[in-house]
Amino acid sequence: MDQQHVLFIAKACHEANRVWCQSEGDNSQMHWDYAEQWQRDSAIKGVEFRLKNPDAPASAQHDAWSADKKADGWVYGEVKDAAAKTHPCLIPFNELPVFQQKKDRLFQAIVDALK
């Protein structure tokens, strides 16, 4: 798959996640066109992981995301803070709130539908 199509899928995933978060009152994610580059890169890496691992469970998707974040210096924190590189979802998948688990599954479903 060419990089342009990967980018298209990443944008769709980001936007779906943004709207998903808004449904819970979390308006912290910016539209793709205004999102920080690290957010875009995270979505792209997530798409690439799913394309290479189409049968991976959502927990593996989350583990890959967590590993990328930790490699970039992020740590667990009760509040998502890009400047401090803290994120409340840097915990095992099965400890995530159901809402966050569903967000990971939504991401995978979008990749699967658009690949």
PDB file of N, CA and C in Angstrom:
ATOM      1  N   MET A   1       0.851  -1.176   0.000  1.00  0.00           N
ATOM      2  CA  MET A   1       0.000   0.000   0.000  1.00  0.00           C
ATOM      3  C   MET A   1       0.900   1.244   0.000  1.00  0.00           C
ATOM      4  N   ASP A   2       0.547   2.218  -0.814  1.00  0.00           N
ATOM      5  CA  ASP A   2       1.392   3.405  -0.891  1.00  0.00           C
ATOM      6  C   ASP A   2       1.177   4.318   0.314  1.00  0.00           C
ATOM      7  N   GLN A   3       2.160   5.170   0.553  1.00  0.00           N
ATOM      8  CA  GLN A   3       2.152   6.034   1.739  1.00  0.00           C
ATOM      9  C   GLN A   3       0.985   7.022   1.724  1.00  0.00           C
ATOM     10  N   GLN A   4       0.537   7.413   0.558  1.00  0.00           N
ATOM     11  CA  GLN A   4      -0.595   8.346   0.460  1.00  0.00           C
ATOM     12  C   GLN A   4      -1.875   7.699   0.996  1.00  0.00           C
ATOM     13  N   HIS A   5      -2.058   6.405   0.717  1.00  0.00           N
ATOM     14  CA  HIS A   5      -3.248   5.708   1.212  1.00  0.00           C
ATOM     15  C   HIS A   5      -3.151   5.502   2.728  1.00  0.00           C
ATOM     16  N   VAL A   6      -1.956   5.208   3.208  1.00  0.00           N
ATOM     17  CA  VAL A   6      -1.741   5.077   4.656  1.00  0.00           C
ATOM     18  C   VAL A   6      -2.098   6.402   5.331  1.00  0.00           C
ATOM     19  N   LEU A   7      -1.663   7.496   4.766  1.00  0.00           N
ATOM     20  CA  LEU A   7      -1.961   8.821   5.312  1.00  0.00           C
ATOM     21  C   LEU A   7      -3.470   9.088   5.320  1.00  0.00           C
ATOM     22  N   PHE A   8      -4.149   8.697   4.259  1.00  0.00           N
ATOM     23  CA  PHE A   8      -5.606   8.852   4.182  1.00  0.00           C
ATOM     24  C   PHE A   8      -6.285   8.082   5.314  1.00  0.00           C
ATOM     25  N   ILE A   9      -5.868   6.836   5.529  1.00  0.00           N
ATOM     26  CA  ILE A   9      -6.461   6.016   6.592  1.00  0.00           C
ATOM     27  C   ILE A   9      -6.143   6.610   7.966  1.00  0.00           C
ATOM     28  N   ALA A  10      -4.904   7.075   8.148  1.00  0.00           N
ATOM     29  CA  ALA A  10      -4.511   7.671   9.433  1.00  0.00           C
ATOM     30  C   ALA A  10      -5.370   8.894   9.748  1.00  0.00           C
ATOM     31  N   LYS A  11      -5.635   9.696   8.744  1.00  0.00           N
ATOM     32  CA  LYS A  11      -6.478  10.876   8.946  1.00  0.00           C
ATOM     33  C   LYS A  11      -7.887  10.462   9.355  1.00  0.00           C
ATOM     34  N   ALA A  12      -8.433   9.445   8.679  1.00  0.00           N
ATOM     35  CA  ALA A  12      -9.774   8.967   9.015  1.00  0.00           C
ATOM     36  C   ALA A  12      -9.812   8.434  10.449  1.00  0.00           C
ATOM     37  N   CYS A  13      -8.788   7.690  10.840  1.00  0.00           N
ATOM     38  CA  CYS A  13      -8.723   7.152  12.199  1.00  0.00           C
ATOM     39  C   CYS A  13      -8.625   8.272  13.230  1.00  0.00           C
ATOM     40  N   HIS A  14      -7.772   9.240  12.952  1.00  0.00           N
ATOM     41  CA  HIS A  14      -7.608  10.371  13.874  1.00  0.00           C
ATOM     42  C   HIS A  14      -8.931  11.106  14.061  1.00  0.00           C
ATOM     43  N   GLU A  15      -9.598  11.389  12.958  1.00  0.00           N
ATOM     44  CA  GLU A  15     -10.852  12.135  13.033  1.00  0.00           C
ATOM     45  C   GLU A  15     -11.926  11.340  13.767  1.00  0.00           C
ATOM     46  N   ALA A  16     -11.990  10.039  13.530  1.00  0.00           N
ATOM     47  CA  ALA A  16     -12.965   9.208  14.248  1.00  0.00           C
ATOM     48  C   ALA A  16     -12.654   9.201  15.742  1.00  0.00           C
ATOM     49  N   ASN A  17     -11.378   9.081  16.088  1.00  0.00           N
ATOM     50  CA  ASN A  17     -10.988   9.116  17.500  1.00  0.00           C
ATOM     51  C   ASN A  17     -11.317  10.472  18.125  1.00  0.00           C
ATOM     52  N   ARG A  18     -11.123  11.531  17.369  1.00  0.00           N
ATOM     53  CA  ARG A  18     -11.420  12.875  17.875  1.00  0.00           C
ATOM     54  C   ARG A  18     -12.903  13.000  18.209  1.00  0.00           C
ATOM     55  N   VAL A  19     -13.745  12.543  17.294  1.00  0.00           N
ATOM     56  CA  VAL A  19     -15.187  12.617  17.507  1.00  0.00           C
ATOM     57  C   VAL A  19     -15.609  11.670  18.633  1.00  0.00           C
ATOM     58  N   TRP A  20     -14.994  10.491  18.683  1.00  0.00           N
ATOM     59  CA  TRP A  20     -15.274   9.544  19.768  1.00  0.00           C
ATOM     60  C   TRP A  20     -14.992  10.204  21.117  1.00  0.00           C
ATOM     61  N   CYS A  21     -13.846  10.860  21.230  1.00  0.00           N
ATOM     62  CA  CYS A  21     -13.488  11.537  22.481  1.00  0.00           C
ATOM     63  C   CYS A  21     -14.464  12.670  22.797  1.00  0.00           C
ATOM     64  N   GLN A  22     -14.869  13.410  21.780  1.00  0.00           N
ATOM     65  CA  GLN A  22     -15.824  14.496  21.987  1.00  0.00           C
ATOM     66  C   GLN A  22     -17.138  13.978  22.560  1.00  0.00           C
ATOM     67  N   SER A  23     -17.509  12.763  22.189  1.00  0.00           N
ATOM     68  CA  SER A  23     -18.762  12.191  22.692  1.00  0.00           C
ATOM     69  C   SER A  23     -18.728  12.002  24.208  1.00  0.00           C
ATOM     70  N   GLU A  24     -17.528  11.988  24.779  1.00  0.00           N
ATOM     71  CA  GLU A  24     -17.352  11.862  26.228  1.00  0.00           C
ATOM     72  C   GLU A  24     -16.945  13.191  26.866  1.00  0.00           C
ATOM     73  N   GLY A  25     -17.018  14.272  26.079  1.00  0.00           N
ATOM     74  CA  GLY A  25     -16.695  15.586  26.610  1.00  0.00           C
ATOM     75  C   GLY A  25     -15.218  15.946  26.541  1.00  0.00           C
ATOM     76  N   ASP A  26     -14.419  15.114  25.891  1.00  0.00           N
ATOM     77  CA  ASP A  26     -12.983  15.378  25.740  1.00  0.00           C
ATOM     78  C   ASP A  26     -12.758  16.094  24.414  1.00  0.00           C
ATOM     79  N   ASN A  27     -12.524  17.381  24.492  1.00  0.00           N
ATOM     80  CA  ASN A  27     -12.306  18.190  23.291  1.00  0.00           C
ATOM     81  C   ASN A  27     -10.831  18.540  23.094  1.00  0.00           C
ATOM     82  N   SER A  28      -9.960  17.715  23.635  1.00  0.00           N
ATOM     83  CA  SER A  28      -8.533  18.030  23.606  1.00  0.00           C
ATOM     84  C   SER A  28      -7.869  17.727  22.269  1.00  0.00           C
ATOM     85  N   GLN A  29      -8.492  16.914  21.449  1.00  0.00           N
ATOM     86  CA  GLN A  29      -7.859  16.589  20.168  1.00  0.00           C
ATOM     87  C   GLN A  29      -8.266  17.589  19.101  1.00  0.00           C
ATOM     88  N   MET A  30      -7.282  18.050  18.395  1.00  0.00           N
ATOM     89  CA  MET A  30      -7.524  18.998  17.312  1.00  0.00           C
ATOM     90  C   MET A  30      -7.839  18.248  16.020  1.00  0.00           C
ATOM     91  N   HIS A  31      -8.533  18.926  15.114  1.00  0.00           N
ATOM     92  CA  HIS A  31      -8.771  18.390  13.775  1.00  0.00           C
ATOM     93  C   HIS A  31      -7.416  18.013  13.164  1.00  0.00           C
ATOM     94  N   TRP A  32      -7.398  16.998  12.340  1.00  0.00           N
ATOM     95  CA  TRP A  32      -6.162  16.516  11.711  1.00  0.00           C
ATOM     96  C   TRP A  32      -5.331  17.663  11.135  1.00  0.00           C
ATOM     97  N   ASP A  33      -5.971  18.596  10.467  1.00  0.00           N
ATOM     98  CA  ASP A  33      -5.246  19.695   9.818  1.00  0.00           C
ATOM     99  C   ASP A  33      -4.518  20.597  10.806  1.00  0.00           C
ATOM    100  N   TYR A  34      -4.913  20.563  12.081  1.00  0.00           N
ATOM    101  CA  TYR A  34      -4.303  21.415  13.099  1.00  0.00           C
ATOM    102  C   TYR A  34      -3.606  20.614  14.204  1.00  0.00           C
ATOM    103  N   ALA A  35      -3.644  19.310  14.075  1.00  0.00           N
ATOM    104  CA  ALA A  35      -3.049  18.440  15.100  1.00  0.00           C
ATOM    105  C   ALA A  35      -1.530  18.563  15.088  1.00  0.00           C
ATOM    106  N   GLU A  36      -0.950  18.366  16.256  1.00  0.00           N
ATOM    107  CA  GLU A  36       0.508  18.348  16.377  1.00  0.00           C
ATOM    108  C   GLU A  36       1.057  17.191  15.538  1.00  0.00           C
ATOM    109  N   GLN A  37       2.274  17.343  15.060  1.00  0.00           N
ATOM    110  CA  GLN A  37       2.867  16.312  14.219  1.00  0.00           C
ATOM    111  C   GLN A  37       2.995  14.980  14.952  1.00  0.00           C
ATOM    112  N   TRP A  38       3.268  15.018  16.265  1.00  0.00           N
ATOM    113  CA  TRP A  38       3.390  13.757  17.010  1.00  0.00           C
ATOM    114  C   TRP A  38       2.082  12.989  17.017  1.00  0.00           C
ATOM    115  N   GLN A  39       0.953  13.709  16.996  1.00  0.00           N
ATOM    116  CA  GLN A  39      -0.339  13.029  16.947  1.00  0.00           C
ATOM    117  C   GLN A  39      -0.558  12.384  15.585  1.00  0.00           C
ATOM    118  N   ARG A  40      -0.204  13.088  14.547  1.00  0.00           N
ATOM    119  CA  ARG A  40      -0.326  12.533  13.202  1.00  0.00           C
ATOM    120  C   ARG A  40       0.580  11.319  13.048  1.00  0.00           C
ATOM    121  N   ASP A  41       1.810  11.455  13.531  1.00  0.00           N
ATOM    122  CA  ASP A  41       2.755  10.341  13.437  1.00  0.00           C
ATOM    123  C   ASP A  41       2.250   9.116  14.188  1.00  0.00           C
ATOM    124  N   SER A  42       1.622   9.337  15.329  1.00  0.00           N
ATOM    125  CA  SER A  42       1.075   8.239  16.118  1.00  0.00           C
ATOM    126  C   SER A  42      -0.016   7.507  15.342  1.00  0.00           C
ATOM    127  N   ALA A  43      -0.882   8.249  14.687  1.00  0.00           N
ATOM    128  CA  ALA A  43      -1.946   7.631  13.888  1.00  0.00           C
ATOM    129  C   ALA A  43      -1.347   6.853  12.717  1.00  0.00           C
ATOM    130  N   ILE A  44      -0.355   7.415  12.071  1.00  0.00           N
ATOM    131  CA  ILE A  44       0.292   6.736  10.944  1.00  0.00           C
ATOM    132  C   ILE A  44       0.931   5.424  11.415  1.00  0.00           C
ATOM    133  N   LYS A  45       1.643   5.477  12.538  1.00  0.00           N
ATOM    134  CA  LYS A  45       2.255   4.260  13.074  1.00  0.00           C
ATOM    135  C   LYS A  45       1.197   3.224  13.433  1.00  0.00           C
ATOM    136  N   GLY A  46       0.075   3.687  13.975  1.00  0.00           N
ATOM    137  CA  GLY A  46      -1.007   2.772  14.311  1.00  0.00           C
ATOM    138  C   GLY A  46      -1.577   2.080  13.083  1.00  0.00           C
ATOM    139  N   VAL A  47      -1.743   2.835  11.999  1.00  0.00           N
ATOM    140  CA  VAL A  47      -2.227   2.258  10.743  1.00  0.00           C
ATOM    141  C   VAL A  47      -1.215   1.253  10.215  1.00  0.00           C
ATOM    142  N   GLU A  48       0.041   1.635  10.212  1.00  0.00           N
ATOM    143  CA  GLU A  48       1.086   0.724   9.709  1.00  0.00           C
ATOM    144  C   GLU A  48       1.131  -0.569  10.529  1.00  0.00           C
ATOM    145  N   PHE A  49       0.980  -0.455  11.857  1.00  0.00           N
ATOM    146  CA  PHE A  49       0.963  -1.650  12.699  1.00  0.00           C
ATOM    147  C   PHE A  49      -0.205  -2.553  12.313  1.00  0.00           C
ATOM    148  N   ARG A  50      -1.380  -1.983  12.170  1.00  0.00           N
ATOM    149  CA  ARG A  50      -2.555  -2.786  11.842  1.00  0.00           C
ATOM    150  C   ARG A  50      -2.419  -3.451  10.477  1.00  0.00           C
ATOM    151  N   LEU A  51      -1.880  -2.732   9.515  1.00  0.00           N
ATOM    152  CA  LEU A  51      -1.712  -3.302   8.178  1.00  0.00           C
ATOM    153  C   LEU A  51      -0.738  -4.482   8.197  1.00  0.00           C
ATOM    154  N   LYS A  52       0.295  -4.386   9.026  1.00  0.00           N
ATOM    155  CA  LYS A  52       1.282  -5.465   9.126  1.00  0.00           C
ATOM    156  C   LYS A  52       0.798  -6.603  10.019  1.00  0.00           C
ATOM    157  N   ASN A  53      -0.183  -6.327  10.870  1.00  0.00           N
ATOM    158  CA  ASN A  53      -0.682  -7.298  11.856  1.00  0.00           C
ATOM    159  C   ASN A  53      -2.212  -7.330  11.830  1.00  0.00           C
ATOM    160  N   PRO A  54      -2.799  -7.753  10.715  1.00  0.00           N
ATOM    161  CA  PRO A  54      -4.258  -7.653  10.568  1.00  0.00           C
ATOM    162  C   PRO A  54      -5.064  -8.509  11.540  1.00  0.00           C
ATOM    163  N   ASP A  55      -4.453  -9.503  12.122  1.00  0.00           N
ATOM    164  CA  ASP A  55      -5.178 -10.375  13.047  1.00  0.00           C
ATOM    165  C   ASP A  55      -4.865 -10.078  14.510  1.00  0.00           C
ATOM    166  N   ALA A  56      -4.078  -9.048  14.745  1.00  0.00           N
ATOM    167  CA  ALA A  56      -3.694  -8.708  16.121  1.00  0.00           C
ATOM    168  C   ALA A  56      -4.902  -8.197  16.893  1.00  0.00           C
ATOM    169  N   PRO A  57      -5.034  -8.613  18.147  1.00  0.00           N
ATOM    170  CA  PRO A  57      -6.141  -8.096  18.961  1.00  0.00           C
ATOM    171  C   PRO A  57      -5.911  -6.630  19.323  1.00  0.00           C
ATOM    172  N   ALA A  58      -6.943  -6.000  19.804  1.00  0.00           N
ATOM    173  CA  ALA A  58      -6.835  -4.590  20.195  1.00  0.00           C
ATOM    174  C   ALA A  58      -5.771  -4.402  21.263  1.00  0.00           C
ATOM    175  N   SER A  59      -5.565  -5.403  22.103  1.00  0.00           N
ATOM    176  CA  SER A  59      -4.538  -5.288  23.141  1.00  0.00           C
ATOM    177  C   SER A  59      -3.144  -5.166  22.526  1.00  0.00           C
ATOM    178  N   ALA A  60      -2.896  -5.865  21.428  1.00  0.00           N
ATOM    179  CA  ALA A  60      -1.590  -5.764  20.754  1.00  0.00           C
ATOM    180  C   ALA A  60      -1.431  -4.390  20.105  1.00  0.00           C
ATOM    181  N   GLN A  61      -2.519  -3.867  19.560  1.00  0.00           N
ATOM    182  CA  GLN A  61      -2.498  -2.518  18.983  1.00  0.00           C
ATOM    183  C   GLN A  61      -2.131  -1.515  20.074  1.00  0.00           C
ATOM    184  N   HIS A  62      -2.756  -1.681  21.229  1.00  0.00           N
ATOM    185  CA  HIS A  62      -2.480  -0.785  22.357  1.00  0.00           C
ATOM    186  C   HIS A  62      -1.034  -0.940  22.833  1.00  0.00           C
ATOM    187  N   ASP A  63      -0.550  -2.180  22.903  1.00  0.00           N
ATOM    188  CA  ASP A  63       0.838  -2.417  23.321  1.00  0.00           C
ATOM    189  C   ASP A  63       1.820  -1.734  22.379  1.00  0.00           C
ATOM    190  N   ALA A  64       1.547  -1.790  21.081  1.00  0.00           N
ATOM    191  CA  ALA A  64       2.423  -1.134  20.098  1.00  0.00           C
ATOM    192  C   ALA A  64       2.399   0.379  20.285  1.00  0.00           C
ATOM    193  N   TRP A  65       1.200   0.932  20.503  1.00  0.00           N
ATOM    194  CA  TRP A  65       1.071   2.373  20.752  1.00  0.00           C
ATOM    195  C   TRP A  65       1.838   2.761  22.011  1.00  0.00           C
ATOM    196  N   SER A  66       1.664   1.973  23.077  1.00  0.00           N
ATOM    197  CA  SER A  66       2.359   2.254  24.341  1.00  0.00           C
ATOM    198  C   SER A  66       3.863   2.213  24.163  1.00  0.00           C
ATOM    199  N   ALA A  67       4.353   1.214  23.437  1.00  0.00           N
ATOM    200  CA  ALA A  67       5.803   1.086  23.211  1.00  0.00           C
ATOM    201  C   ALA A  67       6.340   2.295  22.451  1.00  0.00           C
ATOM    202  N   ASP A  68       5.604   2.761  21.446  1.00  0.00           N
ATOM    203  CA  ASP A  68       6.021   3.951  20.697  1.00  0.00           C
ATOM    204  C   ASP A  68       6.065   5.175  21.599  1.00  0.00           C
ATOM    205  N   LYS A  69       5.046   5.323  22.428  1.00  0.00           N
ATOM    206  CA  LYS A  69       5.001   6.473  23.333  1.00  0.00           C
ATOM    207  C   LYS A  69       6.189   6.434  24.307  1.00  0.00           C
ATOM    208  N   LYS A  70       6.403   5.278  24.920  1.00  0.00           N
ATOM    209  CA  LYS A  70       7.485   5.146  25.890  1.00  0.00           C
ATOM    210  C   LYS A  70       8.850   5.377  25.234  1.00  0.00           C
ATOM    211  N   ALA A  71       9.017   4.901  24.009  1.00  0.00           N
ATOM    212  CA  ALA A  71      10.276   5.116  23.287  1.00  0.00           C
ATOM    213  C   ALA A  71      10.507   6.605  23.025  1.00  0.00           C
ATOM    214  N   ASP A  72       9.419   7.360  22.955  1.00  0.00           N
ATOM    215  CA  ASP A  72       9.514   8.805  22.727  1.00  0.00           C
ATOM    216  C   ASP A  72       9.568   9.592  24.037  1.00  0.00           C
ATOM    217  N   GLY A  73       9.667   8.886  25.164  1.00  0.00           N
ATOM    218  CA  GLY A  73       9.834   9.565  26.440  1.00  0.00           C
ATOM    219  C   GLY A  73       8.565   9.793  27.238  1.00  0.00           C
ATOM    220  N   TRP A  74       7.430   9.293  26.767  1.00  0.00           N
ATOM    221  CA  TRP A  74       6.177   9.455  27.492  1.00  0.00           C
ATOM    222  C   TRP A  74       6.137   8.486  28.669  1.00  0.00           C
ATOM    223  N   VAL A  75       5.440   8.894  29.728  1.00  0.00           N
ATOM    224  CA  VAL A  75       5.244   8.068  30.916  1.00  0.00           C
ATOM    225  C   VAL A  75       3.785   8.158  31.344  1.00  0.00           C
ATOM    226  N   TYR A  76       3.406   7.240  32.227  1.00  0.00           N
ATOM    227  CA  TYR A  76       2.050   7.297  32.762  1.00  0.00           C
ATOM    228  C   TYR A  76       1.871   8.578  33.574  1.00  0.00           C
ATOM    229  N   GLY A  77       0.711   9.172  33.418  1.00  0.00           N
ATOM    230  CA  GLY A  77       0.311  10.323  34.218  1.00  0.00           C
ATOM    231  C   GLY A  77      -1.198  10.388  34.231  1.00  0.00           C
ATOM    232  N   GLU A  78      -1.766  10.891  35.280  1.00  0.00           N
ATOM    233  CA  GLU A  78      -3.225  10.930  35.393  1.00  0.00           C
ATOM    234  C   GLU A  78      -3.871  11.863  34.374  1.00  0.00           C
ATOM    235  N   VAL A  79      -3.076  12.787  33.823  1.00  0.00           N
ATOM    236  CA  VAL A  79      -3.580  13.746  32.843  1.00  0.00           C
ATOM    237  C   VAL A  79      -2.719  13.670  31.590  1.00  0.00           C
ATOM    238  N   LYS A  80      -3.377  13.701  30.431  1.00  0.00           N
ATOM    239  CA  LYS A  80      -2.648  13.754  29.167  1.00  0.00           C
ATOM    240  C   LYS A  80      -2.052  15.152  29.029  1.00  0.00           C
ATOM    241  N   ASP A  81      -0.727  15.198  28.920  1.00  0.00           N
ATOM    242  CA  ASP A  81      -0.019  16.468  28.841  1.00  0.00           C
ATOM    243  C   ASP A  81       1.154  16.297  27.887  1.00  0.00           C
ATOM    244  N   ALA A  82       1.028  16.858  26.688  1.00  0.00           N
ATOM    245  CA  ALA A  82       2.061  16.690  25.665  1.00  0.00           C
ATOM    246  C   ALA A  82       3.381  17.323  26.077  1.00  0.00           C
ATOM    247  N   ALA A  83       3.325  18.440  26.772  1.00  0.00           N
ATOM    248  CA  ALA A  83       4.564  19.101  27.189  1.00  0.00           C
ATOM    249  C   ALA A  83       5.316  18.261  28.215  1.00  0.00           C
ATOM    250  N   ALA A  84       4.585  17.671  29.147  1.00  0.00           N
ATOM    251  CA  ALA A  84       5.204  16.835  30.181  1.00  0.00           C
ATOM    252  C   ALA A  84       5.361  15.388  29.725  1.00  0.00           C
ATOM    253  N   LYS A  85       4.761  15.063  28.580  1.00  0.00           N
ATOM    254  CA  LYS A  85       4.762  13.707  28.020  1.00  0.00           C
ATOM    255  C   LYS A  85       4.196  12.695  29.013  1.00  0.00           C
ATOM    256  N   THR A  86       3.014  13.029  29.539  1.00  0.00           N
ATOM    257  CA  THR A  86       2.297  12.098  30.414  1.00  0.00           C
ATOM    258  C   THR A  86       0.979  11.711  29.751  1.00  0.00           C
ATOM    259  N   HIS A  87       0.545  10.486  29.995  1.00  0.00           N
ATOM    260  CA  HIS A  87      -0.694  10.000  29.380  1.00  0.00           C
ATOM    261  C   HIS A  87      -1.342   8.964  30.294  1.00  0.00           C
ATOM    262  N   PRO A  88      -2.638   9.104  30.575  1.00  0.00           N
ATOM    263  CA  PRO A  88      -3.317   8.161  31.465  1.00  0.00           C
ATOM    264  C   PRO A  88      -3.554   6.781  30.846  1.00  0.00           C
ATOM    265  N   CYS A  89      -3.380   6.645  29.537  1.00  0.00           N
ATOM    266  CA  CYS A  89      -3.607   5.352  28.878  1.00  0.00           C
ATOM    267  C   CYS A  89      -2.344   4.502  28.769  1.00  0.00           C
ATOM    268  N   LEU A  90      -1.265   4.942  29.377  1.00  0.00           N
ATOM    269  CA  LEU A  90      -0.037   4.140  29.372  1.00  0.00           C
ATOM    270  C   LEU A  90      -0.092   3.097  30.491  1.00  0.00           C
ATOM    271  N   ILE A  91      -1.091   2.253  30.379  1.00  0.00           N
ATOM    272  CA  ILE A  91      -1.327   1.146  31.299  1.00  0.00           C
ATOM    273  C   ILE A  91      -1.704  -0.063  30.443  1.00  0.00           C
ATOM    274  N   PRO A  92      -1.700  -1.255  31.013  1.00  0.00           N
ATOM    275  CA  PRO A  92      -2.110  -2.422  30.225  1.00  0.00           C
ATOM    276  C   PRO A  92      -3.528  -2.274  29.669  1.00  0.00           C
ATOM    277  N   PHE A  93      -3.742  -2.843  28.497  1.00  0.00           N
ATOM    278  CA  PHE A  93      -5.026  -2.729  27.808  1.00  0.00           C
ATOM    279  C   PHE A  93      -6.198  -3.127  28.704  1.00  0.00           C
ATOM    280  N   ASN A  94      -6.050  -4.239  29.422  1.00  0.00           N
ATOM    281  CA  ASN A  94      -7.168  -4.724  30.238  1.00  0.00           C
ATOM    282  C   ASN A  94      -7.465  -3.829  31.435  1.00  0.00           C
ATOM    283  N   GLU A  95      -6.604  -2.859  31.719  1.00  0.00           N
ATOM    284  CA  GLU A  95      -6.856  -1.901  32.797  1.00  0.00           C
ATOM    285  C   GLU A  95      -7.451  -0.587  32.281  1.00  0.00           C
ATOM    286  N   LEU A  96      -7.508  -0.445  30.969  1.00  0.00           N
ATOM    287  CA  LEU A  96      -8.104   0.760  30.383  1.00  0.00           C
ATOM    288  C   LEU A  96      -9.605   0.785  30.637  1.00  0.00           C
ATOM    289  N   PRO A  97     -10.174   1.977  30.763  1.00  0.00           N
ATOM    290  CA  PRO A  97     -11.632   2.059  30.810  1.00  0.00           C
ATOM    291  C   PRO A  97     -12.217   1.480  29.512  1.00  0.00           C
ATOM    292  N   VAL A  98     -13.418   0.937  29.594  1.00  0.00           N
ATOM    293  CA  VAL A  98     -14.064   0.328  28.430  1.00  0.00           C
ATOM    294  C   VAL A  98     -14.120   1.325  27.267  1.00  0.00           C
ATOM    295  N   PHE A  99     -14.386   2.579  27.562  1.00  0.00           N
ATOM    296  CA  PHE A  99     -14.436   3.616  26.521  1.00  0.00           C
ATOM    297  C   PHE A  99     -13.140   3.653  25.728  1.00  0.00           C
ATOM    298  N   GLN A 100     -11.989   3.567  26.407  1.00  0.00           N
ATOM    299  CA  GLN A 100     -10.696   3.604  25.733  1.00  0.00           C
ATOM    300  C   GLN A 100     -10.439   2.311  24.961  1.00  0.00           C
ATOM    301  N   GLN A 101     -10.872   1.179  25.500  1.00  0.00           N
ATOM    302  CA  GLN A 101     -10.727  -0.084  24.784  1.00  0.00           C
ATOM    303  C   GLN A 101     -11.523  -0.044  23.478  1.00  0.00           C
ATOM    304  N   LYS A 102     -12.713   0.516  23.551  1.00  0.00           N
ATOM    305  CA  LYS A 102     -13.543   0.625  22.346  1.00  0.00           C
ATOM    306  C   LYS A 102     -12.899   1.565  21.323  1.00  0.00           C
ATOM    307  N   LYS A 103     -12.215   2.585  21.798  1.00  0.00           N
ATOM    308  CA  LYS A 103     -11.534   3.508  20.886  1.00  0.00           C
ATOM    309  C   LYS A 103     -10.460   2.767  20.095  1.00  0.00           C
ATOM    310  N   ASP A 104      -9.732   1.868  20.760  1.00  0.00           N
ATOM    311  CA  ASP A 104      -8.717   1.073  20.059  1.00  0.00           C
ATOM    312  C   ASP A 104      -9.366   0.150  19.028  1.00  0.00           C
ATOM    313  N   ARG A 105     -10.491  -0.430  19.380  1.00  0.00           N
ATOM    314  CA  ARG A 105     -11.192  -1.316  18.440  1.00  0.00           C
ATOM    315  C   ARG A 105     -11.753  -0.527  17.258  1.00  0.00           C
ATOM    316  N   LEU A 106     -12.227   0.681  17.523  1.00  0.00           N
ATOM    317  CA  LEU A 106     -12.719   1.549  16.457  1.00  0.00           C
ATOM    318  C   LEU A 106     -11.594   1.852  15.469  1.00  0.00           C
ATOM    319  N   PHE A 107     -10.425   2.168  15.987  1.00  0.00           N
ATOM    320  CA  PHE A 107      -9.255   2.453  15.151  1.00  0.00           C
ATOM    321  C   PHE A 107      -8.990   1.265  14.228  1.00  0.00           C
ATOM    322  N   GLN A 108      -8.964   0.071  14.810  1.00  0.00           N
ATOM    323  CA  GLN A 108      -8.701  -1.127  14.007  1.00  0.00           C
ATOM    324  C   GLN A 108      -9.774  -1.348  12.946  1.00  0.00           C
ATOM    325  N   ALA A 109     -11.022  -1.140  13.305  1.00  0.00           N
ATOM    326  CA  ALA A 109     -12.125  -1.354  12.370  1.00  0.00           C
ATOM    327  C   ALA A 109     -12.029  -0.388  11.187  1.00  0.00           C
ATOM    328  N   ILE A 110     -11.615   0.827  11.451  1.00  0.00           N
ATOM    329  CA  ILE A 110     -11.485   1.806  10.358  1.00  0.00           C
ATOM    330  C   ILE A 110     -10.351   1.395   9.416  1.00  0.00           C
ATOM    331  N   VAL A 111      -9.229   0.987   9.986  1.00  0.00           N
ATOM    332  CA  VAL A 111      -8.118   0.527   9.136  1.00  0.00           C
ATOM    333  C   VAL A 111      -8.585  -0.650   8.291  1.00  0.00           C
ATOM    334  N   ASP A 112      -9.238  -1.612   8.933  1.00  0.00           N
ATOM    335  CA  ASP A 112      -9.708  -2.802   8.205  1.00  0.00           C
ATOM    336  C   ASP A 112     -10.662  -2.434   7.087  1.00  0.00           C
ATOM    337  N   ALA A 113     -11.548  -1.489   7.326  1.00  0.00           N
ATOM    338  CA  ALA A 113     -12.532  -1.091   6.324  1.00  0.00           C
ATOM    339  C   ALA A 113     -11.914  -0.332   5.153  1.00  0.00           C
ATOM    340  N   LEU A 114     -10.859   0.414   5.419  1.00  0.00           N
ATOM    341  CA  LEU A 114     -10.291   1.295   4.376  1.00  0.00           C
ATOM    342  C   LEU A 114      -9.047   0.735   3.695  1.00  0.00           C
ATOM    343  N   LYS A 115      -8.547  -0.391   4.157  1.00  0.00           N
ATOM    344  CA  LYS A 115      -7.313  -0.921   3.547  1.00  0.00           C
ATOM    345  C   LYS A 115      -7.532  -1.420   2.140  1.00  0.00           C
TER     346      LYS A 115
END
